[in-house]
């Protein structure tokens, strides 16, 4: 690199470090910094942030080490790669034998044998950015490569890539239909792709509203979500017709920024998203400070049921034919649970036995006043298959009171076969098992101060990502 280019890079890094420091001050979590100096990308991109300390001596963002009294120990780091947090990058196979973790910052998928914790790393190409993972037919898992727009099929036992199928520019969500052995992929463009799970052959391509985020198989329908509007669509699998749609907007709040959706054992759909009221709300006397905010993560639940199909033996009737049914009757209804006191995005997981529901608040992975505490585990009622109403009752009051402590930088959650929680850490790259054992994955560091500042809960239940969820 010539000297002029090197100087320009240093200037940009210094400006970025200073801007990030002042941004954190604007969010109310630091005294005014002095000068911010950052180096270039990679391990050399480290610089001291003079005076950059948490107000009131809260200490450094906790990752298990001793506090220096300064935010991030007074150091700003620029990583060469810092992918957006989307959740859904971790699973344990149905037989309980293997944990699969996609690492978008290291362009790798890690396979961990649960019986001996041995690790196999599969590099899937520079710029692949593997994110969401899914288990398909026995012995096969899939990873969405957001960077290259491909579906990567992996043979779990053989520890190898079986095939890669071209999808679209920005694949976001995927699901598997075990009855037809088909994989469905939702794309940002609005395309919904259907592929054969065994060969990767593209079987169909349909177009819906743009900005799709998730796709879920539900009986003979597919449930689609849209990211910015947090809208949910129910479409017929056979012909792609839209049967119902709706979004969890109330009269006081506006939903936006879908994080992730899952299907509960009851058949209900739970969707994590952001919800903003547009104006800053202060807590009233006697009310929890959890509500002193303008935006909060929300878990919205809907049946996602399609309207009943008309009886072909009877003449069309508005009460039977969805085509003639008033639009209002086809709108989905939601029960909204404000996850007050926590900062999203929210990752979700359901235990193999269907008796536990986990929520991981990724914004709680970095805290200015203590170790991360963004893990929430709720029982699922065995009879109804729905999340315990007792859990919703407490979380609606102040979810942060239910949070469990975690370590490192958790960005995804899953359950092992016994119902124990497993977390995936971004930095350092590792799995954290339910018994506290850490399984190292990638060796290269991807520590990035800018990413942490964007997502972290600054101590008041806010982050930059709260208002800019993507």
Protein backbone atom coordinates (compact mmCIF):
# COMPACT_ATOMS: atom_id res chain seq x y z
CA UNK A 1 0.00 0.00 0.00
CA UNK A 2 1.40 3.42 -0.94
CA UNK A 3 1.93 6.02 1.83
CA UNK A 4 -0.94 8.26 0.66
CA UNK A 5 -3.45 5.37 0.75
CA UNK A 6 -2.16 4.30 4.16
CA UNK A 7 -2.55 7.83 5.51
CA UNK A 8 -6.09 8.04 4.11
CA UNK A 9 -6.97 4.74 5.79
CA UNK A 10 -5.64 5.97 9.13
CA UNK A 11 -7.63 9.21 8.79
CA UNK A 12 -10.86 7.30 8.06
CA UNK A 13 -10.24 4.96 11.00
CA UNK A 14 -9.59 7.90 13.32
CA UNK A 15 -12.77 9.66 12.18
CA UNK A 16 -14.80 6.47 12.60
CA UNK A 17 -13.42 5.84 16.07
CA UNK A 18 -14.15 9.44 17.11
CA UNK A 19 -17.65 9.33 15.65
CA UNK A 20 -18.45 6.10 17.46
CA UNK A 21 -17.17 7.48 20.74
CA UNK A 22 -19.25 10.65 20.44
CA UNK A 23 -22.26 8.58 19.37
CA UNK A 24 -22.03 6.66 22.62
CA UNK A 25 -21.82 9.93 24.52
CA UNK A 26 -24.99 11.09 22.76
CA UNK A 27 -26.73 7.96 23.98
CA UNK A 28 -25.91 9.01 27.53
CA UNK A 29 -23.40 6.39 28.60
CA UNK A 30 -20.04 8.09 28.65
CA UNK A 31 -18.31 11.25 29.67
CA UNK A 32 -16.99 13.30 26.73
CA UNK A 33 -14.03 11.53 25.20
CA UNK A 34 -10.70 13.02 24.43
CA UNK A 35 -9.10 12.02 21.17
CA UNK A 36 -10.01 8.72 19.53
CA UNK A 37 -7.29 7.02 17.57
CA UNK A 38 -7.78 3.72 15.78
CA UNK A 39 -5.46 1.77 13.56
CA UNK A 40 -6.21 -0.06 10.36
CA UNK A 41 -8.30 -3.18 9.91
CA UNK A 42 -7.38 -6.45 11.51
CA UNK A 43 -5.41 -7.21 14.62
CA UNK A 44 -3.40 -4.02 14.19
CA UNK A 45 -6.56 -1.90 14.20
CA UNK A 46 -6.38 -1.09 17.89
CA UNK A 47 -6.11 2.34 19.44
CA UNK A 48 -6.64 3.95 22.83
CA UNK A 49 -9.71 6.10 23.41
CA UNK A 50 -8.55 8.73 25.83
CA UNK A 51 -11.16 9.57 28.43
CA UNK A 52 -13.60 7.08 26.89
CA UNK A 53 -15.01 5.65 30.13
CA UNK A 54 -18.47 4.78 31.36
CA UNK A 55 -20.23 7.45 33.37
CA UNK A 56 -20.36 6.83 37.10
CA UNK A 57 -17.54 4.32 36.93
CA UNK A 58 -19.70 1.54 35.51
CA UNK A 59 -16.63 -0.21 34.20
CA UNK A 60 -15.78 -1.92 30.96
CA UNK A 61 -18.14 -3.99 28.86
CA UNK A 62 -17.93 -7.37 30.53
CA UNK A 63 -16.57 -10.42 28.76
CA UNK A 64 -15.43 -12.27 31.83
CA UNK A 65 -12.27 -10.25 32.50
CA UNK A 66 -11.46 -7.66 35.13
CA UNK A 67 -12.83 -4.15 34.62
CA UNK A 68 -10.41 -1.33 33.84
CA UNK A 69 -13.03 1.34 34.58
CA UNK A 70 -13.15 2.30 30.90
CA UNK A 71 -15.63 1.29 28.25
CA UNK A 72 -14.08 -1.52 26.15
CA UNK A 73 -10.99 -1.03 28.34
CA UNK A 74 -10.44 2.28 26.54
CA UNK A 75 -9.61 0.58 23.24
CA UNK A 76 -11.32 0.78 19.85
CA UNK A 77 -10.87 -2.10 17.42
CA UNK A 78 -11.81 -2.30 13.74
CA UNK A 79 -12.40 -5.81 12.42
CA UNK A 80 -12.01 -6.58 8.72
CA UNK A 81 -15.41 -8.32 8.94
CA UNK A 82 -18.41 -7.45 11.09
CA UNK A 83 -21.65 -8.94 9.76
CA UNK A 84 -25.09 -7.84 10.90
CA UNK A 85 -26.65 -9.97 13.65
CA UNK A 86 -29.60 -12.01 12.37
CA UNK A 87 -29.88 -15.00 14.72
CA UNK A 88 -30.75 -18.50 13.59
CA UNK A 89 -27.12 -19.43 12.95
CA UNK A 90 -27.03 -22.31 15.47
CA UNK A 91 -28.76 -25.70 15.68
CA UNK A 92 -28.34 -29.16 17.14
CA UNK A 93 -29.28 -32.02 14.83
CA UNK A 94 -32.39 -34.07 15.63
CA UNK A 95 -30.30 -37.03 16.79
CA UNK A 96 -28.48 -34.77 19.24
CA UNK A 97 -25.09 -35.80 17.86
CA UNK A 98 -23.89 -32.59 16.21
CA UNK A 99 -24.08 -28.86 16.82
CA UNK A 100 -23.90 -26.72 13.69
CA UNK A 101 -22.82 -23.07 13.91
CA UNK A 102 -22.58 -20.76 10.90
CA UNK A 103 -20.08 -17.94 11.35
CA UNK A 104 -20.70 -15.02 8.95
CA UNK A 105 -17.64 -13.11 10.18
CA UNK A 106 -15.26 -15.96 9.38
CA UNK A 107 -16.99 -17.42 6.27
CA UNK A 108 -17.15 -20.82 7.93
CA UNK A 109 -19.57 -23.42 9.22
CA UNK A 110 -18.47 -25.34 12.32
CA UNK A 111 -19.61 -28.89 13.11
CA UNK A 112 -19.19 -29.94 16.75
CA UNK A 113 -19.56 -33.58 17.81
CA UNK A 114 -21.45 -33.42 21.08
CA UNK A 115 -20.01 -36.61 22.58
CA UNK A 116 -16.37 -35.50 22.48
CA UNK A 117 -16.69 -31.79 21.50
CA UNK A 118 -14.37 -32.24 18.52
CA UNK A 119 -14.70 -29.46 15.95
CA UNK A 120 -14.64 -29.56 12.16
CA UNK A 121 -14.36 -26.29 10.28
CA UNK A 122 -15.79 -25.97 6.77
CA UNK A 123 -14.62 -22.84 4.96
CA UNK A 124 -17.34 -21.92 2.48
CA UNK A 125 -15.59 -19.19 0.50
CA UNK A 126 -14.45 -15.64 1.11
CA UNK A 127 -17.45 -13.34 1.23
CA UNK A 128 -19.99 -16.15 1.60
CA UNK A 129 -21.32 -14.76 4.92
CA UNK A 130 -23.15 -17.92 6.06
CA UNK A 131 -26.00 -17.12 8.46
CA UNK A 132 -29.25 -19.00 8.96
CA UNK A 133 -28.93 -22.78 9.29
CA UNK A 134 -31.56 -25.51 8.91
CA UNK A 135 -31.69 -29.27 9.25
CA UNK A 136 -33.17 -31.10 6.27
CA UNK A 137 -33.30 -34.82 5.53
CA UNK A 138 -31.48 -37.05 8.01
CA UNK A 139 -27.76 -36.34 7.94
CA UNK A 140 -27.98 -33.09 6.00
CA UNK A 141 -27.99 -29.45 7.08
CA UNK A 142 -28.28 -26.26 5.07
CA UNK A 143 -26.74 -22.83 5.47
CA UNK A 144 -27.79 -19.64 3.71
CA UNK A 145 -24.83 -17.71 2.34
CA UNK A 146 -26.05 -14.12 2.32
CA UNK A 147 -22.90 -12.80 0.67
CA UNK A 148 -22.86 -15.10 -2.35
CA UNK A 149 -26.60 -15.77 -2.51
CA UNK A 150 -26.28 -19.54 -2.27
CA UNK A 151 -27.79 -22.48 -0.41
CA UNK A 152 -24.98 -24.62 1.00
CA UNK A 153 -25.85 -28.28 1.65
CA UNK A 154 -23.62 -30.09 4.15
CA UNK A 155 -23.24 -33.81 4.84
CA UNK A 156 -23.01 -33.93 8.63
CA UNK A 157 -21.46 -37.38 8.91
CA UNK A 158 -19.04 -36.82 6.05
CA UNK A 159 -18.14 -33.33 7.30
CA UNK A 160 -18.24 -31.96 3.77
CA UNK A 161 -20.18 -29.68 1.43
CA UNK A 162 -22.47 -31.71 -0.83
CA UNK A 163 -23.60 -28.96 -3.18
CA UNK A 164 -24.18 -25.24 -3.50
CA UNK A 165 -27.26 -23.86 -5.27
CA UNK A 166 -27.56 -20.32 -6.59
CA UNK A 167 -30.54 -18.53 -5.05
CA UNK A 168 -30.87 -14.74 -5.15
CA UNK A 169 -28.93 -11.63 -4.19
CA UNK A 170 -30.07 -11.58 -0.56
CA UNK A 171 -31.50 -14.85 0.82
CA UNK A 172 -32.83 -14.37 4.34
CA UNK A 173 -35.04 -17.20 5.62
CA UNK A 174 -35.46 -20.90 4.95
CA UNK A 175 -37.51 -23.91 6.06
CA UNK A 176 -37.79 -27.59 5.21
CA UNK A 177 -40.92 -29.61 4.42
CA UNK A 178 -40.19 -33.20 5.40
CA UNK A 179 -43.32 -34.48 3.63
CA UNK A 180 -42.13 -33.34 0.21
CA UNK A 181 -38.37 -33.07 0.91
CA UNK A 182 -38.38 -29.49 -0.29
CA UNK A 183 -36.49 -26.46 0.95
CA UNK A 184 -38.14 -23.05 0.80
CA UNK A 185 -36.03 -19.87 0.71
CA UNK A 186 -37.31 -16.32 1.21
CA UNK A 187 -35.39 -13.51 -0.51
CA UNK A 188 -35.26 -9.78 0.15
CA UNK A 189 -36.50 -9.14 -3.39
CA UNK A 190 -39.80 -10.88 -2.63
CA UNK A 191 -38.93 -14.10 -4.42
CA UNK A 192 -39.86 -17.38 -2.76
CA UNK A 193 -37.77 -20.26 -4.06
CA UNK A 194 -38.55 -23.97 -3.84
CA UNK A 195 -35.68 -26.44 -4.13
CA UNK A 196 -35.30 -30.19 -3.98
CA UNK A 197 -33.50 -30.91 -0.71
CA UNK A 198 -31.62 -33.89 -2.11
CA UNK A 199 -30.27 -32.40 -5.33
CA UNK A 200 -30.55 -28.63 -4.84
CA UNK A 201 -32.51 -28.32 -8.08
CA UNK A 202 -34.70 -25.23 -8.32
CA UNK A 203 -38.31 -26.42 -8.64
CA UNK A 204 -40.25 -23.16 -8.50
CA UNK A 205 -39.87 -19.41 -8.11
CA UNK A 206 -42.75 -17.20 -6.99
CA UNK A 207 -42.85 -13.48 -6.31
CA UNK A 208 -44.57 -11.81 -3.38
CA UNK A 209 -44.21 -8.46 -1.64
CA UNK A 210 -40.58 -7.39 -1.38
CA UNK A 211 -38.46 -7.41 1.78
CA UNK A 212 -39.25 -11.00 2.78
CA UNK A 213 -37.48 -12.18 5.92
CA UNK A 214 -38.75 -15.62 7.05
CA UNK A 215 -40.58 -18.58 5.56
CA UNK A 216 -42.21 -21.27 7.72
CA UNK A 217 -43.98 -24.46 6.66
CA UNK A 218 -47.39 -24.76 8.35
CA UNK A 219 -49.64 -27.61 7.21
CA UNK A 220 -50.55 -26.92 3.57
CA UNK A 221 -49.55 -23.25 3.77
CA UNK A 222 -46.39 -21.19 4.01
CA UNK A 223 -46.03 -18.31 6.43
CA UNK A 224 -43.92 -15.39 5.19
CA UNK A 225 -42.70 -12.37 7.15
CA UNK A 226 -41.46 -9.02 5.89
CA UNK A 227 -38.56 -7.32 7.62
CA UNK A 228 -39.21 -3.58 7.77
CA UNK A 229 -42.99 -3.67 8.18
CA UNK A 230 -43.16 -6.78 10.42
CA UNK A 231 -46.04 -7.96 8.23
CA UNK A 232 -46.97 -11.63 8.08
CA UNK A 233 -48.52 -13.40 5.07
CA UNK A 234 -50.15 -16.82 4.90
CA UNK A 235 -49.97 -18.29 1.39
CA UNK A 236 -51.26 -21.55 -0.06
CA UNK A 237 -48.37 -23.87 -0.86
CA UNK A 238 -49.98 -25.36 -3.96
CA UNK A 239 -50.58 -22.17 -5.93
CA UNK A 240 -49.03 -19.30 -3.93
CA UNK A 241 -52.31 -17.46 -3.39
CA UNK A 242 -52.27 -15.11 -0.38
CA UNK A 243 -54.93 -16.27 2.09
CA UNK A 244 -54.36 -13.96 5.03
CA UNK A 245 -52.06 -11.17 6.04
CA UNK A 246 -51.59 -8.69 8.86
CA UNK A 247 -49.12 -7.03 11.19
CA UNK A 248 -49.10 -6.53 14.96
CA UNK A 249 -49.73 -2.79 14.99
CA UNK A 250 -51.71 -1.34 17.86
CA UNK A 251 -53.19 2.13 18.13
CA UNK A 252 -50.23 3.38 20.20
CA UNK A 253 -47.35 1.59 18.51
CA UNK A 254 -45.89 0.92 15.10
CA UNK A 255 -44.21 -2.41 14.41
CA UNK A 256 -41.06 -2.59 12.35
CA UNK A 257 -37.88 -4.55 11.94
CA UNK A 258 -38.68 -8.27 12.05
CA UNK A 259 -35.90 -10.29 13.66
CA UNK A 260 -37.06 -13.88 13.43
CA UNK A 261 -40.18 -16.07 13.42
CA UNK A 262 -40.72 -19.64 14.65
CA UNK A 263 -43.58 -22.10 14.77
CA UNK A 264 -44.57 -23.20 18.30
CA UNK A 265 -45.71 -26.78 19.07
CA UNK A 266 -49.26 -25.40 19.25
CA UNK A 267 -49.01 -24.38 15.59
CA UNK A 268 -48.95 -20.70 16.57
CA UNK A 269 -46.39 -18.42 14.98
CA UNK A 270 -44.23 -16.30 17.27
CA UNK A 271 -42.44 -13.39 15.63
CA UNK A 272 -39.78 -11.23 17.24
CA UNK A 273 -39.63 -7.67 15.98
CA UNK A 274 -39.14 -4.07 17.04
CA UNK A 275 -41.99 -1.78 17.98
CA UNK A 276 -41.77 1.99 18.23
CA UNK A 277 -44.29 4.51 19.47
CA UNK A 278 -42.65 7.40 17.66
CA UNK A 279 -42.24 9.57 20.78
CA UNK A 280 -40.15 9.02 23.86
CA UNK A 281 -42.26 7.66 26.71
CA UNK A 282 -41.26 8.35 30.28
CA UNK A 283 -42.18 6.06 33.11
CA UNK A 284 -45.06 7.22 35.24
CA UNK A 285 -44.90 7.12 39.06
CA UNK A 286 -45.08 3.53 40.22
CA UNK A 287 -44.38 2.20 36.72
CA UNK A 288 -41.30 0.20 35.87
CA UNK A 289 -38.47 2.12 34.23
CA UNK A 290 -38.58 -0.66 31.64
CA UNK A 291 -41.19 1.46 29.86
CA UNK A 292 -39.12 4.65 29.71
CA UNK A 293 -38.32 4.20 26.05
CA UNK A 294 -39.54 4.99 22.55
CA UNK A 295 -38.96 1.54 21.13
CA UNK A 296 -38.70 -2.00 22.43
CA UNK A 297 -38.41 -5.57 21.14
CA UNK A 298 -41.73 -7.39 20.94
CA UNK A 299 -42.79 -11.02 20.67
CA UNK A 300 -46.07 -11.22 18.75
CA UNK A 301 -48.08 -14.44 18.57
CA UNK A 302 -50.70 -15.37 15.98
CA UNK A 303 -52.44 -18.57 14.98
CA UNK A 304 -51.38 -18.03 11.37
CA UNK A 305 -54.36 -20.11 10.31
CA UNK A 306 -55.69 -19.88 6.78
CA UNK A 307 -59.45 -19.35 6.31
CA UNK A 308 -61.44 -22.56 5.83
CA UNK A 309 -61.55 -23.86 2.30
CA UNK A 310 -64.97 -23.80 0.60
CA UNK A 311 -66.89 -27.04 0.26
CA UNK A 312 -66.93 -27.86 -3.48
CA UNK A 313 -70.38 -29.43 -3.04
CA UNK A 314 -71.90 -26.11 -1.93
CA UNK A 315 -72.41 -22.85 -3.84
CA UNK A 316 -70.02 -19.99 -3.03
CA UNK A 317 -70.86 -18.06 0.11
CA UNK A 318 -69.17 -15.11 1.83
CA UNK A 319 -68.99 -17.19 4.97
CA UNK A 320 -67.21 -20.07 3.25
CA UNK A 321 -65.27 -18.76 0.29
CA UNK A 322 -62.10 -16.82 1.17
CA UNK A 323 -62.28 -15.02 -2.18
CA UNK A 324 -65.60 -13.43 -1.22
CA UNK A 325 -64.81 -12.92 2.45
CA UNK A 326 -64.45 -9.26 3.54
CA UNK A 327 -60.82 -8.17 3.76
CA UNK A 328 -61.15 -7.41 7.48
CA UNK A 329 -62.07 -11.04 8.16
CA UNK A 330 -58.90 -12.21 6.46
CA UNK A 331 -56.60 -10.02 8.56
CA UNK A 332 -54.47 -11.87 11.08
CA UNK A 333 -54.85 -10.98 14.73
CA UNK A 334 -51.88 -10.88 17.11
CA UNK A 335 -51.23 -10.97 20.82
CA UNK A 336 -48.28 -8.68 21.48
CA UNK A 337 -45.83 -9.11 24.34
CA UNK A 338 -43.49 -6.15 24.79
CA UNK A 339 -40.13 -7.50 25.90
CA UNK A 340 -39.52 -4.42 28.03
CA UNK A 341 -36.12 -3.87 29.56
CA UNK A 342 -34.18 -5.75 26.89
CA UNK A 343 -32.61 -4.79 23.59
CA UNK A 344 -32.94 -6.76 20.37
CA UNK A 345 -32.47 -8.31 17.92
CA UNK A 346 -34.11 -11.36 19.50
CA UNK A 347 -33.10 -14.90 18.54
CA UNK A 348 -35.54 -17.73 19.32
CA UNK A 349 -35.32 -21.48 19.89
CA UNK A 350 -37.60 -24.37 20.89
CA UNK A 351 -36.34 -27.48 22.69
CA UNK A 352 -36.51 -30.88 20.92
CA UNK A 353 -39.17 -32.07 23.39
CA UNK A 354 -41.23 -28.96 22.70
CA UNK A 355 -41.37 -28.07 26.39
CA UNK A 356 -39.05 -25.02 26.47
CA UNK A 357 -38.87 -21.72 24.61
CA UNK A 358 -35.70 -19.63 24.61
CA UNK A 359 -35.21 -15.98 23.78
CA UNK A 360 -31.77 -14.39 23.40
CA UNK A 361 -31.65 -10.58 23.43
CA UNK A 362 -28.55 -9.90 21.36
CA UNK A 363 -28.32 -6.28 22.46
CA UNK A 364 -27.63 -7.54 25.98
CA UNK A 365 -24.45 -9.24 24.77
CA UNK A 366 -22.59 -6.02 25.54
CA UNK A 367 -23.44 -4.07 28.69
CA UNK A 368 -21.67 -1.04 30.18
CA UNK A 369 -22.47 -2.06 33.75
CA UNK A 370 -21.99 -5.79 34.05
CA UNK A 371 -21.92 -9.18 32.32
CA UNK A 372 -24.48 -10.04 29.63
CA UNK A 373 -27.87 -11.20 30.95
CA UNK A 374 -30.01 -11.51 27.83
CA UNK A 375 -31.03 -15.18 27.98
CA UNK A 376 -34.65 -16.03 28.79
CA UNK A 377 -36.07 -19.55 29.02
CA UNK A 378 -39.80 -20.18 29.40
CA UNK A 379 -41.78 -23.39 29.83
CA UNK A 380 -44.17 -24.46 27.09
CA UNK A 381 -47.48 -25.91 28.27
CA UNK A 382 -47.54 -29.57 27.25
CA UNK A 383 -51.29 -29.62 26.65
CA UNK A 384 -51.71 -26.45 24.62
CA UNK A 385 -48.23 -26.26 23.12
CA UNK A 386 -48.18 -22.52 23.87
CA UNK A 387 -45.67 -20.53 25.90
CA UNK A 388 -46.57 -20.35 29.59
CA UNK A 389 -48.91 -17.46 30.38
CA UNK A 390 -47.01 -16.95 33.62
CA UNK A 391 -43.90 -16.14 31.60
CA UNK A 392 -45.76 -13.67 29.41
CA UNK A 393 -47.19 -12.05 32.53
CA UNK A 394 -43.76 -11.28 33.95
CA UNK A 395 -42.13 -10.38 30.64
CA UNK A 396 -44.92 -7.93 29.87
CA UNK A 397 -44.11 -6.15 33.14
CA UNK A 398 -40.34 -6.12 32.81
CA UNK A 399 -38.63 -8.90 30.89
CA UNK A 400 -35.17 -7.94 32.14
CA UNK A 401 -36.07 -9.33 35.57
CA UNK A 402 -36.13 -12.80 33.98
CA UNK A 403 -32.78 -12.53 32.21
CA UNK A 404 -30.08 -15.07 32.92
CA UNK A 405 -26.38 -14.30 32.90
CA UNK A 406 -24.29 -15.33 29.90
CA UNK A 407 -20.67 -14.91 28.87
CA UNK A 408 -18.64 -13.80 25.87
CA UNK A 409 -20.72 -12.28 23.01
CA UNK A 410 -23.76 -14.55 22.51
CA UNK A 411 -25.45 -14.09 19.11
CA UNK A 412 -27.54 -17.27 18.70
CA UNK A 413 -29.32 -19.81 20.90
CA UNK A 414 -30.32 -23.46 20.53
CA UNK A 415 -31.18 -26.47 22.69
CA UNK A 416 -29.31 -29.76 22.94
CA UNK A 417 -31.17 -33.07 22.93
CA UNK A 418 -31.53 -33.04 26.73
CA UNK A 419 -33.08 -29.57 26.73
CA UNK A 420 -29.94 -27.73 27.80
CA UNK A 421 -29.27 -24.30 26.33
CA UNK A 422 -26.33 -23.78 23.96
CA UNK A 423 -25.14 -20.31 22.99
CA UNK A 424 -22.99 -19.26 20.06
CA UNK A 425 -20.49 -16.50 20.77
CA UNK A 426 -19.31 -14.12 18.11
CA UNK A 427 -16.08 -13.01 19.79
CA UNK A 428 -14.29 -15.08 20.72
CA UNK A 429 -15.80 -17.61 18.33
CA UNK A 430 -17.09 -20.39 20.57
CA UNK A 431 -20.03 -22.42 21.79
CA UNK A 432 -21.05 -22.12 25.43
CA UNK A 433 -22.79 -25.24 26.71
CA UNK A 434 -25.43 -25.40 29.39
CA UNK A 435 -22.87 -26.61 31.94
CA UNK A 436 -20.61 -23.63 31.22
CA UNK A 437 -18.10 -25.51 29.09
CA UNK A 438 -16.72 -23.41 26.25
CA UNK A 439 -15.91 -25.00 22.90
CA UNK A 440 -13.52 -22.80 20.84
CA UNK A 441 -14.38 -22.52 17.14
CA UNK A 442 -12.61 -20.00 14.89
CA UNK A 443 -9.18 -18.79 15.93
CA UNK A 444 -9.08 -15.40 14.20
CA UNK A 445 -10.37 -12.41 16.15
CA UNK A 446 -13.33 -10.40 14.87
CA UNK A 447 -13.60 -8.01 17.76
CA UNK A 448 -15.19 -4.80 16.50
CA UNK A 449 -15.99 -1.74 18.62
CA UNK A 450 -18.34 -0.25 16.04
CA UNK A 451 -20.54 -3.35 15.91
CA UNK A 452 -20.67 -3.53 19.70
CA UNK A 453 -21.63 0.14 19.99
CA UNK A 454 -24.37 -0.28 17.38
CA UNK A 455 -26.08 -3.22 19.09
CA UNK A 456 -25.28 -2.85 22.79
CA UNK A 457 -27.76 -1.85 25.46
CA UNK A 458 -26.33 1.44 26.71
CA UNK A 459 -27.89 0.88 30.11
CA UNK A 460 -31.24 2.56 29.46
CA UNK A 461 -32.80 -0.15 27.30
CA UNK A 462 -31.72 1.51 24.06
CA UNK A 463 -29.25 0.85 21.29
CA UNK A 464 -28.65 2.25 17.84
CA UNK A 465 -30.24 -0.94 16.50
CA UNK A 466 -33.42 -0.15 18.47
CA UNK A 467 -34.33 2.54 15.95
CA UNK A 468 -32.42 1.07 13.00
CA UNK A 469 -33.20 -2.67 13.15
CA UNK A 470 -32.26 -3.23 9.51
